[in-house]
Structures are given as C-alpha cells and as structure tokens.
Amino acid sequence: MSFDAKRAARLALILAATASMAACASTKPLPEPGPGPGTPPGPGTGYKPAPGGGAVDTRAIPGSAQDFVINVGDFVYFDLDSYDIRSDAMSVLDAQAAWLMRYPAVQIRVEGNCDERGTREYNLALGARRANAVRDYLVSRGVSSARIATLSWGKERPVDPGAGEEAWSRNRNGHTVIIAGAR
C-alpha cells in the first residue's frame, strides 16, 4: 500500500470514528445534582429545590428515603438545653408518623444531636433524651416502637460546623434516618 493510500485509509477511519461518536452524543444537558438525602433544610423550613430550575427531576419514588426527606422532613429542632418537642416540630413528627404508618416495613433510627456547648457527657445524655422524645412522640401516634432505634451523637456530628446561634440552632436536632424497608 502506498503512503497516500495508507493516509487515506487512516483519514477514513478517523472520520468514521468521529461520525459514530457524533451519532452517539446526547444533545440533552446533564441534570444538576440536587440536595442529597439527609441535607438539613434548617429550623422551621421545608425542602427547597436547588436554584436554577432546569431539567432536574425532583419527583421521589413513594416510600423511598428521598420521598421521606423531601415530602415529610427528617429533622426537628430543639431549644437550648431542652428535649421538649416544640410546637413547630409536632407537624413534622405527625407527618413522619403518617408516612411510617403508610409504609409499615420501614425501620428508622432517631439520632439526637446537640450544639457544641457543654461537655461531651452532658451532650451525649441530652442527645439521647432528644432521640427518645422523638421516638416517644412517634409511638404515641401509632408507630410501633420495635421499628424505631435511637442513637445520641451529642455534639460529635454537627450539621452546621459554624459557631453562633444560627449554627447552634441547626445542630440542636432530632434526625430521623431510614435504615431499612424503604423502596
């Protein structure tokens, strides 16, 4: 084969490869990632979709962990040095109880959290009381206690690493996590 024939064959292969890649290329833009499960929306607020709109499909599969986080809410908040269920938390917990009654195979863990103030031991105990308060509320609404585990993180896993009242208020929470049975 002559040099020109080899060159023509190489050029033909490159053009064929380019044409096949162009045929496979998608003209649809990739969706932007939205907030992941467990992303705390902040005290007293509901889920807020990612800014910018676009082609993101925010519909959650009913009975999924994403459905629980987006449509029900997975965080409730507590006052300083308190484990009393606040009135704004009751509507979230009522929605959690209704969702859990609708999906009886789902098992959850309620994690009690505290802000950075206080000793490690004090915050572990307070976190446990917060987790138990959430569990007791859900049980009072008909959810079987056998489906609910509790855990205290104390101040070890803050959702907001900042300092100051705004960050601390987000870190004083009860976080309901689905551990089994979701779709």
C-alpha atoms as a PDB file:
ATOM      1  CA  MET A   1       0.000   0.000   0.000  1.00  0.00           C
ATOM      2  CA  SER A   2       1.396   3.397  -0.908  1.00  0.00           C
ATOM      3  CA  PHE A   3       1.866   6.237   1.512  1.00  0.00           C
ATOM      4  CA  ASP A   4      -1.158   8.116   0.076  1.00  0.00           C
ATOM      5  CA  ALA A   5      -3.362   5.005   0.329  1.00  0.00           C
ATOM      6  CA  LYS A   6      -2.356   4.498   3.990  1.00  0.00           C
ATOM      7  CA  ARG A   7      -3.009   8.141   4.681  1.00  0.00           C
ATOM      8  CA  ALA A   8      -6.443   7.955   3.016  1.00  0.00           C
ATOM      9  CA  ALA A   9      -7.322   4.784   4.959  1.00  0.00           C
ATOM     10  CA  ARG A  10      -6.279   6.429   8.253  1.00  0.00           C
ATOM     11  CA  LEU A  11      -8.298   9.526   7.424  1.00  0.00           C
ATOM     12  CA  ALA A  12     -11.331   7.388   6.578  1.00  0.00           C
ATOM     13  CA  LEU A  13     -11.046   5.563   9.925  1.00  0.00           C
ATOM     14  CA  ILE A  14     -10.786   8.835  11.822  1.00  0.00           C
ATOM     15  CA  LEU A  15     -13.819  10.255  10.001  1.00  0.00           C
ATOM     16  CA  ALA A  16     -15.810   7.060  10.644  1.00  0.00           C
ATOM     17  CA  ALA A  17     -14.915   7.130  14.351  1.00  0.00           C
ATOM     18  CA  THR A  18     -15.806  10.821  14.606  1.00  0.00           C
ATOM     19  CA  ALA A  19     -19.114  10.265  12.834  1.00  0.00           C
ATOM     20  CA  SER A  20     -20.028   7.340  15.097  1.00  0.00           C
ATOM     21  CA  MET A  21     -19.184   9.341  18.243  1.00  0.00           C
ATOM     22  CA  ALA A  22     -21.239  12.277  16.985  1.00  0.00           C
ATOM     23  CA  ALA A  23     -24.174   9.945  16.340  1.00  0.00           C
ATOM     24  CA  CYS A  24     -23.977   8.661  19.933  1.00  0.00           C
ATOM     25  CA  ALA A  25     -23.635  12.075  21.541  1.00  0.00           C
ATOM     26  CA  SER A  26     -26.613  13.329  23.513  1.00  0.00           C
ATOM     27  CA  THR A  27     -27.987  16.785  22.897  1.00  0.00           C
ATOM     28  CA  LYS A  28     -29.732  16.789  26.288  1.00  0.00           C
ATOM     29  CA  PRO A  29     -27.815  18.640  29.021  1.00  0.00           C
ATOM     30  CA  LEU A  30     -26.962  16.610  32.100  1.00  0.00           C
ATOM     31  CA  PRO A  31     -29.118  17.452  35.131  1.00  0.00           C
ATOM     32  CA  GLU A  32     -27.545  19.325  38.003  1.00  0.00           C
ATOM     33  CA  PRO A  33     -27.322  17.341  41.238  1.00  0.00           C
ATOM     34  CA  GLY A  34     -29.890  18.289  43.849  1.00  0.00           C
ATOM     35  CA  PRO A  35     -29.574  18.118  47.616  1.00  0.00           C
ATOM     36  CA  GLY A  36     -28.870  14.617  48.880  1.00  0.00           C
ATOM     37  CA  PRO A  37     -30.820  12.681  51.495  1.00  0.00           C
ATOM     38  CA  GLY A  38     -30.283  13.966  54.953  1.00  0.00           C
ATOM     39  CA  THR A  39     -29.487  17.519  53.881  1.00  0.00           C
ATOM     40  CA  PRO A  40     -30.934  19.618  56.671  1.00  0.00           C
ATOM     41  CA  PRO A  41     -33.242  22.368  55.414  1.00  0.00           C
ATOM     42  CA  GLY A  42     -32.786  24.484  58.547  1.00  0.00           C
ATOM     43  CA  PRO A  43     -35.044  25.179  61.503  1.00  0.00           C
ATOM     44  CA  GLY A  44     -38.687  25.728  60.687  1.00  0.00           C
ATOM     45  CA  THR A  45     -38.309  25.477  56.921  1.00  0.00           C
ATOM     46  CA  GLY A  46     -39.368  22.922  54.374  1.00  0.00           C
ATOM     47  CA  TYR A  47     -37.459  21.438  51.495  1.00  0.00           C
ATOM     48  CA  LYS A  48     -36.219  23.959  48.951  1.00  0.00           C
ATOM     49  CA  PRO A  49     -35.285  22.685  45.471  1.00  0.00           C
ATOM     50  CA  ALA A  50     -31.886  23.538  44.049  1.00  0.00           C
ATOM     51  CA  PRO A  51     -31.770  27.012  42.488  1.00  0.00           C
ATOM     52  CA  GLY A  52     -31.711  27.409  38.744  1.00  0.00           C
ATOM     53  CA  GLY A  53     -34.623  25.163  37.794  1.00  0.00           C
ATOM     54  CA  GLY A  54     -33.586  23.122  34.802  1.00  0.00           C
ATOM     55  CA  ALA A  55     -34.166  19.518  33.908  1.00  0.00           C
ATOM     56  CA  VAL A  56     -33.788  18.076  37.414  1.00  0.00           C
ATOM     57  CA  ASP A  57     -36.488  15.512  38.198  1.00  0.00           C
ATOM     58  CA  THR A  58     -37.361  16.119  41.848  1.00  0.00           C
ATOM     59  CA  ARG A  59     -40.181  13.591  41.995  1.00  0.00           C
ATOM     60  CA  ALA A  60     -39.354  10.997  44.601  1.00  0.00           C
ATOM     61  CA  ILE A  61     -40.442   7.382  44.441  1.00  0.00           C
ATOM     62  CA  PRO A  62     -43.253   6.960  47.006  1.00  0.00           C
ATOM     63  CA  GLY A  63     -41.982   5.063  50.026  1.00  0.00           C
ATOM     64  CA  SER A  64     -38.326   5.879  49.314  1.00  0.00           C
ATOM     65  CA  ALA A  65     -35.895   7.591  51.669  1.00  0.00           C
ATOM     66  CA  GLN A  66     -35.888  10.527  49.252  1.00  0.00           C
ATOM     67  CA  ASP A  67     -39.699  10.722  49.468  1.00  0.00           C
ATOM     68  CA  PHE A  68     -39.418  10.837  53.252  1.00  0.00           C
ATOM     69  CA  VAL A  69     -36.793  13.606  53.264  1.00  0.00           C
ATOM     70  CA  ILE A  70     -38.412  15.773  50.576  1.00  0.00           C
ATOM     71  CA  ASN A  71     -42.111  15.341  51.280  1.00  0.00           C
ATOM     72  CA  VAL A  72     -42.163  14.737  55.039  1.00  0.00           C
ATOM     73  CA  GLY A  73     -38.974  16.101  56.593  1.00  0.00           C
ATOM     74  CA  ASP A  74     -36.276  14.309  58.526  1.00  0.00           C
ATOM     75  CA  PHE A  75     -35.219  16.992  61.047  1.00  0.00           C
ATOM     76  CA  VAL A  76     -36.942  18.515  64.064  1.00  0.00           C
ATOM     77  CA  TYR A  77     -35.286  21.141  66.224  1.00  0.00           C
ATOM     78  CA  PHE A  78     -34.982  21.727  69.961  1.00  0.00           C
ATOM     79  CA  ASP A  79     -34.466  24.728  72.199  1.00  0.00           C
ATOM     80  CA  LEU A  80     -31.254  25.217  74.160  1.00  0.00           C
ATOM     81  CA  ASP A  81     -30.783  22.622  76.936  1.00  0.00           C
ATOM     82  CA  SER A  82     -34.195  21.137  76.159  1.00  0.00           C
ATOM     83  CA  TYR A  83     -35.606  17.888  74.892  1.00  0.00           C
ATOM     84  CA  ASP A  84     -39.238  19.037  74.871  1.00  0.00           C
ATOM     85  CA  ILE A  85     -40.947  18.658  71.487  1.00  0.00           C
ATOM     86  CA  ARG A  86     -41.590  22.161  70.150  1.00  0.00           C
ATOM     87  CA  SER A  87     -44.918  23.045  68.544  1.00  0.00           C
ATOM     88  CA  ASP A  88     -43.259  23.563  65.137  1.00  0.00           C
ATOM     89  CA  ALA A  89     -41.795  20.043  65.389  1.00  0.00           C
ATOM     90  CA  MET A  90     -45.162  18.427  66.042  1.00  0.00           C
ATOM     91  CA  SER A  91     -46.399  18.928  62.477  1.00  0.00           C
ATOM     92  CA  VAL A  92     -43.204  17.327  61.102  1.00  0.00           C
ATOM     93  CA  LEU A  93     -43.470  14.418  63.531  1.00  0.00           C
ATOM     94  CA  ASP A  94     -47.190  13.967  62.747  1.00  0.00           C
ATOM     95  CA  ALA A  95     -46.259  13.774  59.047  1.00  0.00           C
ATOM     96  CA  GLN A  96     -43.471  11.297  59.849  1.00  0.00           C
ATOM     97  CA  ALA A  97     -45.887   9.122  61.819  1.00  0.00           C
ATOM     98  CA  ALA A  98     -48.452   9.166  58.996  1.00  0.00           C
ATOM     99  CA  TRP A  99     -45.756   8.276  56.439  1.00  0.00           C
ATOM    100  CA  LEU A 100     -44.434   5.458  58.630  1.00  0.00           C
ATOM    101  CA  MET A 101     -47.966   4.086  59.082  1.00  0.00           C
ATOM    102  CA  ARG A 102     -48.354   4.109  55.284  1.00  0.00           C
ATOM    103  CA  TYR A 103     -45.081   2.157  54.876  1.00  0.00           C
ATOM    104  CA  PRO A 104     -45.076  -0.407  57.707  1.00  0.00           C
ATOM    105  CA  ALA A 105     -41.906  -2.209  56.519  1.00  0.00           C
ATOM    106  CA  VAL A 106     -39.755   0.892  57.074  1.00  0.00           C
ATOM    107  CA  GLN A 107     -37.488   0.972  60.102  1.00  0.00           C
ATOM    108  CA  ILE A 108     -35.899   4.166  61.360  1.00  0.00           C
ATOM    109  CA  ARG A 109     -33.197   5.432  63.662  1.00  0.00           C
ATOM    110  CA  VAL A 110     -33.741   8.705  65.503  1.00  0.00           C
ATOM    111  CA  GLU A 111     -30.442  10.478  66.110  1.00  0.00           C
ATOM    112  CA  GLY A 112     -30.273  13.083  68.868  1.00  0.00           C
ATOM    113  CA  ASN A 113     -27.826  15.934  68.319  1.00  0.00           C
ATOM    114  CA  CYS A 114     -26.617  18.944  70.287  1.00  0.00           C
ATOM    115  CA  ASP A 115     -24.685  22.122  69.671  1.00  0.00           C
ATOM    116  CA  GLU A 116     -21.029  22.432  70.627  1.00  0.00           C
ATOM    117  CA  ARG A 117     -21.612  23.985  74.031  1.00  0.00           C
ATOM    118  CA  GLY A 118     -21.467  21.809  77.136  1.00  0.00           C
ATOM    119  CA  THR A 119     -19.375  18.780  77.966  1.00  0.00           C
ATOM    120  CA  ARG A 120     -19.246  15.694  75.809  1.00  0.00           C
ATOM    121  CA  GLU A 121     -21.010  13.639  78.507  1.00  0.00           C
ATOM    122  CA  TYR A 122     -23.764  16.230  79.022  1.00  0.00           C
ATOM    123  CA  ASN A 123     -24.434  16.455  75.279  1.00  0.00           C
ATOM    124  CA  LEU A 124     -24.497  12.664  74.825  1.00  0.00           C
ATOM    125  CA  ALA A 125     -27.136  12.451  77.570  1.00  0.00           C
ATOM    126  CA  LEU A 126     -29.134  15.372  76.139  1.00  0.00           C
ATOM    127  CA  GLY A 127     -28.938  13.890  72.622  1.00  0.00           C
ATOM    128  CA  ALA A 128     -30.293  10.594  73.981  1.00  0.00           C
ATOM    129  CA  ARG A 129     -33.196  12.406  75.660  1.00  0.00           C
ATOM    130  CA  ARG A 130     -33.963  14.221  72.388  1.00  0.00           C
ATOM    131  CA  ALA A 131     -33.914  10.986  70.381  1.00  0.00           C
ATOM    132  CA  ASN A 132     -36.152   9.295  72.960  1.00  0.00           C
ATOM    133  CA  ALA A 133     -38.563  12.249  72.957  1.00  0.00           C
ATOM    134  CA  VAL A 134     -38.958  11.934  69.171  1.00  0.00           C
ATOM    135  CA  ARG A 135     -39.391   8.142  69.459  1.00  0.00           C
ATOM    136  CA  ASP A 136     -41.991   8.531  72.216  1.00  0.00           C
ATOM    137  CA  TYR A 137     -43.920  11.087  70.147  1.00  0.00           C
ATOM    138  CA  LEU A 138     -43.974   8.783  67.105  1.00  0.00           C
ATOM    139  CA  VAL A 139     -45.062   5.843  69.281  1.00  0.00           C
ATOM    140  CA  SER A 140     -47.870   7.989  70.725  1.00  0.00           C
ATOM    141  CA  ARG A 141     -49.048   8.483  67.126  1.00  0.00           C
ATOM    142  CA  GLY A 142     -49.250   4.731  66.464  1.00  0.00           C
ATOM    143  CA  VAL A 143     -45.794   3.797  65.162  1.00  0.00           C
ATOM    144  CA  SER A 144     -44.510   0.562  66.703  1.00  0.00           C
ATOM    145  CA  SER A 145     -41.536   1.128  69.000  1.00  0.00           C
ATOM    146  CA  ALA A 146     -39.979  -2.035  67.522  1.00  0.00           C
ATOM    147  CA  ARG A 147     -39.429  -0.091  64.286  1.00  0.00           C
ATOM    148  CA  ILE A 148     -37.543   2.754  65.976  1.00  0.00           C
ATOM    149  CA  ALA A 149     -33.931   2.680  67.148  1.00  0.00           C
ATOM    150  CA  THR A 150     -32.364   5.672  68.892  1.00  0.00           C
ATOM    151  CA  LEU A 151     -28.820   6.989  68.983  1.00  0.00           C
ATOM    152  CA  SER A 152     -27.176  10.029  70.527  1.00  0.00           C
ATOM    153  CA  TRP A 153     -24.365  11.764  68.710  1.00  0.00           C
ATOM    154  CA  GLY A 154     -24.174  14.524  71.319  1.00  0.00           C
ATOM    155  CA  LYS A 155     -22.089  17.285  69.763  1.00  0.00           C
ATOM    156  CA  GLU A 156     -19.968  14.889  67.674  1.00  0.00           C
ATOM    157  CA  ARG A 157     -21.749  15.297  64.310  1.00  0.00           C
ATOM    158  CA  PRO A 158     -22.874  18.890  63.786  1.00  0.00           C
ATOM    159  CA  VAL A 159     -24.889  19.569  60.651  1.00  0.00           C
ATOM    160  CA  ASP A 160     -23.578  23.138  60.661  1.00  0.00           C
ATOM    161  CA  PRO A 161     -19.886  23.499  61.516  1.00  0.00           C
ATOM    162  CA  GLY A 162     -20.261  27.229  62.183  1.00  0.00           C
ATOM    163  CA  ALA A 163     -20.357  28.970  65.534  1.00  0.00           C
ATOM    164  CA  GLY A 164     -23.063  31.266  66.803  1.00  0.00           C
ATOM    165  CA  GLU A 165     -26.777  30.940  67.495  1.00  0.00           C
ATOM    166  CA  GLU A 166     -27.804  30.294  63.886  1.00  0.00           C
ATOM    167  CA  ALA A 167     -25.459  27.300  63.555  1.00  0.00           C
ATOM    168  CA  TRP A 168     -26.182  26.082  67.070  1.00  0.00           C
ATOM    169  CA  SER A 169     -29.947  26.132  66.443  1.00  0.00           C
ATOM    170  CA  ARG A 170     -29.480  23.804  63.449  1.00  0.00           C
ATOM    171  CA  ASN A 171     -27.289  21.467  65.489  1.00  0.00           C
ATOM    172  CA  ARG A 172     -29.885  21.045  68.265  1.00  0.00           C
ATOM    173  CA  ASN A 173     -31.973  18.470  66.432  1.00  0.00           C
ATOM    174  CA  GLY A 174     -33.555  15.092  66.187  1.00  0.00           C
ATOM    175  CA  HIS A 175     -32.741  13.493  62.841  1.00  0.00           C
ATOM    176  CA  THR A 176     -34.909  10.616  61.612  1.00  0.00           C
ATOM    177  CA  VAL A 177     -32.951   8.283  59.339  1.00  0.00           C
ATOM    178  CA  ILE A 178     -34.466   5.395  57.380  1.00  0.00           C
ATOM    179  CA  ILE A 179     -32.365   2.303  57.994  1.00  0.00           C
ATOM    180  CA  ALA A 180     -34.403  -0.467  56.326  1.00  0.00           C
ATOM    181  CA  GLY A 181     -37.541  -1.232  54.344  1.00  0.00           C
ATOM    182  CA  ALA A 182     -37.698   1.801  52.045  1.00  0.00           C
ATOM    183  CA  ARG A 183     -38.195   1.425  48.299  1.00  0.00           C
END
